[in-house]
Amino acid sequence: MRHPLSMCYFVYILYSESLDLFYRGQTSDPEDRLHRHNQGQEKSTKAGIPWRLVWVTKKSSRSEAMNLERKLKNLSRDRLIRFIRNHSEEVAGPDVPTAKVVGSQDADP
């Protein structure tokens, strides 16, 4: 286990094709968190399985991660899609080979 002072936190955005919905969150372990979402272990995302990671970024503290998560949760769908597009260099994860934004049919380019 890592020492709490050296722990990094991640802010992430998931997408559910079945619900055509984005979910924003923060965690210290994005792989485990995605697994928990897709195993139905999280009540708030159970209905949208499978979830796909579409954006993630690393923050140096939990408070930084929580602040960004709160800001992302306050964005409208269109603004969130624009945010993902504008910050696509942050995209990471084995299930996101490119910076493709899903669910963006109604967004401005």
C-alpha atoms as a PDB file:
ATOM      1  CA  MET A   1       0.000   0.000   0.000  1.00  0.00           C
ATOM      2  CA  ARG A   2       1.240   3.473  -0.867  1.00  0.00           C
ATOM      3  CA  HIS A   3       1.957   6.069   1.782  1.00  0.00           C
ATOM      4  CA  PRO A   4      -1.025   8.491   2.052  1.00  0.00           C
ATOM      5  CA  LEU A   5       1.199  11.552   1.553  1.00  0.00           C
ATOM      6  CA  SER A   6       2.468  10.291  -1.791  1.00  0.00           C
ATOM      7  CA  MET A   7      -0.905   9.081  -3.054  1.00  0.00           C
ATOM      8  CA  CYS A   8      -2.206  10.447  -6.349  1.00  0.00           C
ATOM      9  CA  TYR A   9      -5.856  10.875  -7.177  1.00  0.00           C
ATOM     10  CA  PHE A  10      -7.629  10.674 -10.488  1.00  0.00           C
ATOM     11  CA  VAL A  11     -10.695  12.403 -11.874  1.00  0.00           C
ATOM     12  CA  TYR A  12     -12.483  10.366 -14.519  1.00  0.00           C
ATOM     13  CA  ILE A  13     -15.433  10.450 -16.872  1.00  0.00           C
ATOM     14  CA  LEU A  14     -17.286   7.282 -17.846  1.00  0.00           C
ATOM     15  CA  TYR A  15     -19.820   6.829 -20.610  1.00  0.00           C
ATOM     16  CA  SER A  16     -22.734   4.391 -20.780  1.00  0.00           C
ATOM     17  CA  GLU A  17     -23.916   3.723 -24.317  1.00  0.00           C
ATOM     18  CA  SER A  18     -27.081   1.980 -23.071  1.00  0.00           C
ATOM     19  CA  LEU A  19     -28.164   5.099 -21.132  1.00  0.00           C
ATOM     20  CA  ASP A  20     -26.323   7.632 -23.348  1.00  0.00           C
ATOM     21  CA  LEU A  21     -25.054   9.129 -20.104  1.00  0.00           C
ATOM     22  CA  PHE A  22     -21.785  10.418 -18.677  1.00  0.00           C
ATOM     23  CA  TYR A  23     -20.674   9.782 -15.100  1.00  0.00           C
ATOM     24  CA  ARG A  24     -17.979  11.850 -13.378  1.00  0.00           C
ATOM     25  CA  GLY A  25     -15.995  10.698 -10.366  1.00  0.00           C
ATOM     26  CA  GLN A  26     -12.673  10.702  -8.522  1.00  0.00           C
ATOM     27  CA  THR A  27     -10.609   7.885  -7.046  1.00  0.00           C
ATOM     28  CA  SER A  28      -7.121   6.812  -6.053  1.00  0.00           C
ATOM     29  CA  ASP A  29      -7.393   3.638  -8.177  1.00  0.00           C
ATOM     30  CA  PRO A  30      -9.096   4.151 -11.561  1.00  0.00           C
ATOM     31  CA  GLU A  31      -8.752   0.525 -12.707  1.00  0.00           C
ATOM     32  CA  ASP A  32     -10.445  -0.811  -9.570  1.00  0.00           C
ATOM     33  CA  ARG A  33     -13.103   1.890  -9.717  1.00  0.00           C
ATOM     34  CA  LEU A  34     -14.004   1.102 -13.343  1.00  0.00           C
ATOM     35  CA  HIS A  35     -14.170  -2.586 -12.425  1.00  0.00           C
ATOM     36  CA  ARG A  36     -16.518  -1.803  -9.500  1.00  0.00           C
ATOM     37  CA  HIS A  37     -18.765   0.283 -11.757  1.00  0.00           C
ATOM     38  CA  ASN A  38     -18.946  -2.505 -14.350  1.00  0.00           C
ATOM     39  CA  GLN A  39     -19.562  -5.241 -11.777  1.00  0.00           C
ATOM     40  CA  GLY A  40     -22.642  -3.430 -10.472  1.00  0.00           C
ATOM     41  CA  GLN A  41     -21.024  -2.707  -7.109  1.00  0.00           C
ATOM     42  CA  GLU A  42     -21.921   0.986  -7.293  1.00  0.00           C
ATOM     43  CA  LYS A  43     -25.617   1.747  -6.884  1.00  0.00           C
ATOM     44  CA  SER A  44     -25.420   5.033  -8.808  1.00  0.00           C
ATOM     45  CA  THR A  45     -24.056   3.409 -11.988  1.00  0.00           C
ATOM     46  CA  LYS A  46     -25.529  -0.090 -11.879  1.00  0.00           C
ATOM     47  CA  ALA A  47     -28.203   0.654 -14.503  1.00  0.00           C
ATOM     48  CA  GLY A  48     -25.681   1.841 -17.093  1.00  0.00           C
ATOM     49  CA  ILE A  49     -23.426  -1.207 -17.325  1.00  0.00           C
ATOM     50  CA  PRO A  50     -21.163  -1.452 -19.261  1.00  0.00           C
ATOM     51  CA  TRP A  51     -19.333   1.802 -18.590  1.00  0.00           C
ATOM     52  CA  ARG A  52     -16.422   2.924 -20.722  1.00  0.00           C
ATOM     53  CA  LEU A  53     -13.615   5.207 -19.563  1.00  0.00           C
ATOM     54  CA  VAL A  54     -13.556   8.229 -21.885  1.00  0.00           C
ATOM     55  CA  TRP A  55     -11.358  10.647 -19.929  1.00  0.00           C
ATOM     56  CA  VAL A  56      -9.051  10.600 -16.909  1.00  0.00           C
ATOM     57  CA  THR A  57      -6.482  12.915 -15.358  1.00  0.00           C
ATOM     58  CA  LYS A  58      -4.160  12.706 -12.383  1.00  0.00           C
ATOM     59  CA  LYS A  59      -4.180  15.180  -9.499  1.00  0.00           C
ATOM     60  CA  SER A  60      -1.656  15.493  -6.697  1.00  0.00           C
ATOM     61  CA  SER A  61      -4.198  15.689  -3.860  1.00  0.00           C
ATOM     62  CA  ARG A  62      -7.682  14.495  -3.051  1.00  0.00           C
ATOM     63  CA  SER A  63      -8.885  18.063  -2.576  1.00  0.00           C
ATOM     64  CA  GLU A  64      -7.718  18.964  -6.119  1.00  0.00           C
ATOM     65  CA  ALA A  65      -9.505  15.894  -7.474  1.00  0.00           C
ATOM     66  CA  MET A  66     -12.694  16.693  -5.569  1.00  0.00           C
ATOM     67  CA  ASN A  67     -12.672  20.297  -6.801  1.00  0.00           C
ATOM     68  CA  LEU A  68     -12.316  19.230 -10.437  1.00  0.00           C
ATOM     69  CA  GLU A  69     -14.955  16.514 -10.015  1.00  0.00           C
ATOM     70  CA  ARG A  70     -17.400  19.107  -8.626  1.00  0.00           C
ATOM     71  CA  LYS A  71     -16.689  21.453 -11.553  1.00  0.00           C
ATOM     72  CA  LEU A  72     -17.241  18.648 -14.081  1.00  0.00           C
ATOM     73  CA  LYS A  73     -20.505  17.629 -12.413  1.00  0.00           C
ATOM     74  CA  ASN A  74     -21.751  21.207 -12.811  1.00  0.00           C
ATOM     75  CA  LEU A  75     -21.167  21.259 -16.580  1.00  0.00           C
ATOM     76  CA  SER A  76     -24.048  20.708 -18.972  1.00  0.00           C
ATOM     77  CA  ARG A  77     -23.775  17.694 -21.270  1.00  0.00           C
ATOM     78  CA  ASP A  78     -22.686  19.860 -24.230  1.00  0.00           C
ATOM     79  CA  ARG A  79     -20.067  21.687 -22.165  1.00  0.00           C
ATOM     80  CA  LEU A  80     -18.804  18.373 -20.761  1.00  0.00           C
ATOM     81  CA  ILE A  81     -18.388  16.977 -24.285  1.00  0.00           C
ATOM     82  CA  ARG A  82     -16.496  20.111 -25.326  1.00  0.00           C
ATOM     83  CA  PHE A  83     -14.323  19.755 -22.225  1.00  0.00           C
ATOM     84  CA  ILE A  84     -13.476  16.138 -23.151  1.00  0.00           C
ATOM     85  CA  ARG A  85     -12.623  17.187 -26.709  1.00  0.00           C
ATOM     86  CA  ASN A  86     -10.483  20.123 -25.589  1.00  0.00           C
ATOM     87  CA  HIS A  87      -8.602  18.013 -23.053  1.00  0.00           C
ATOM     88  CA  SER A  88      -8.377  14.777 -25.010  1.00  0.00           C
ATOM     89  CA  GLU A  89      -4.644  14.506 -24.300  1.00  0.00           C
ATOM     90  CA  GLU A  90      -5.697  13.443 -20.794  1.00  0.00           C
ATOM     91  CA  VAL A  91      -7.464  10.326 -22.099  1.00  0.00           C
ATOM     92  CA  ALA A  92      -5.903   7.142 -20.813  1.00  0.00           C
ATOM     93  CA  GLY A  93      -6.718   3.548 -20.139  1.00  0.00           C
ATOM     94  CA  PRO A  94      -6.657   0.278 -22.001  1.00  0.00           C
ATOM     95  CA  ASP A  95     -10.231   0.601 -23.278  1.00  0.00           C
ATOM     96  CA  VAL A  96      -9.694   4.047 -24.820  1.00  0.00           C
ATOM     97  CA  PRO A  97      -7.175   3.668 -27.659  1.00  0.00           C
ATOM     98  CA  THR A  98      -7.984   7.075 -29.138  1.00  0.00           C
ATOM     99  CA  ALA A  99      -9.400  10.365 -27.941  1.00  0.00           C
ATOM    100  CA  LYS A 100     -12.795   9.666 -29.483  1.00  0.00           C
ATOM    101  CA  VAL A 101     -15.656  11.385 -27.703  1.00  0.00           C
ATOM    102  CA  VAL A 102     -18.727   9.203 -27.451  1.00  0.00           C
ATOM    103  CA  GLY A 103     -22.268  10.460 -27.080  1.00  0.00           C
ATOM    104  CA  SER A 104     -21.466  13.707 -28.853  1.00  0.00           C
ATOM    105  CA  GLN A 105     -24.007  13.764 -31.668  1.00  0.00           C
ATOM    106  CA  ASP A 106     -25.679  16.940 -30.371  1.00  0.00           C
ATOM    107  CA  ALA A 107     -22.559  18.858 -29.351  1.00  0.00           C
ATOM    108  CA  ASP A 108     -20.942  21.713 -31.219  1.00  0.00           C
ATOM    109  CA  PRO A 109     -17.632  20.763 -32.857  1.00  0.00           C
END
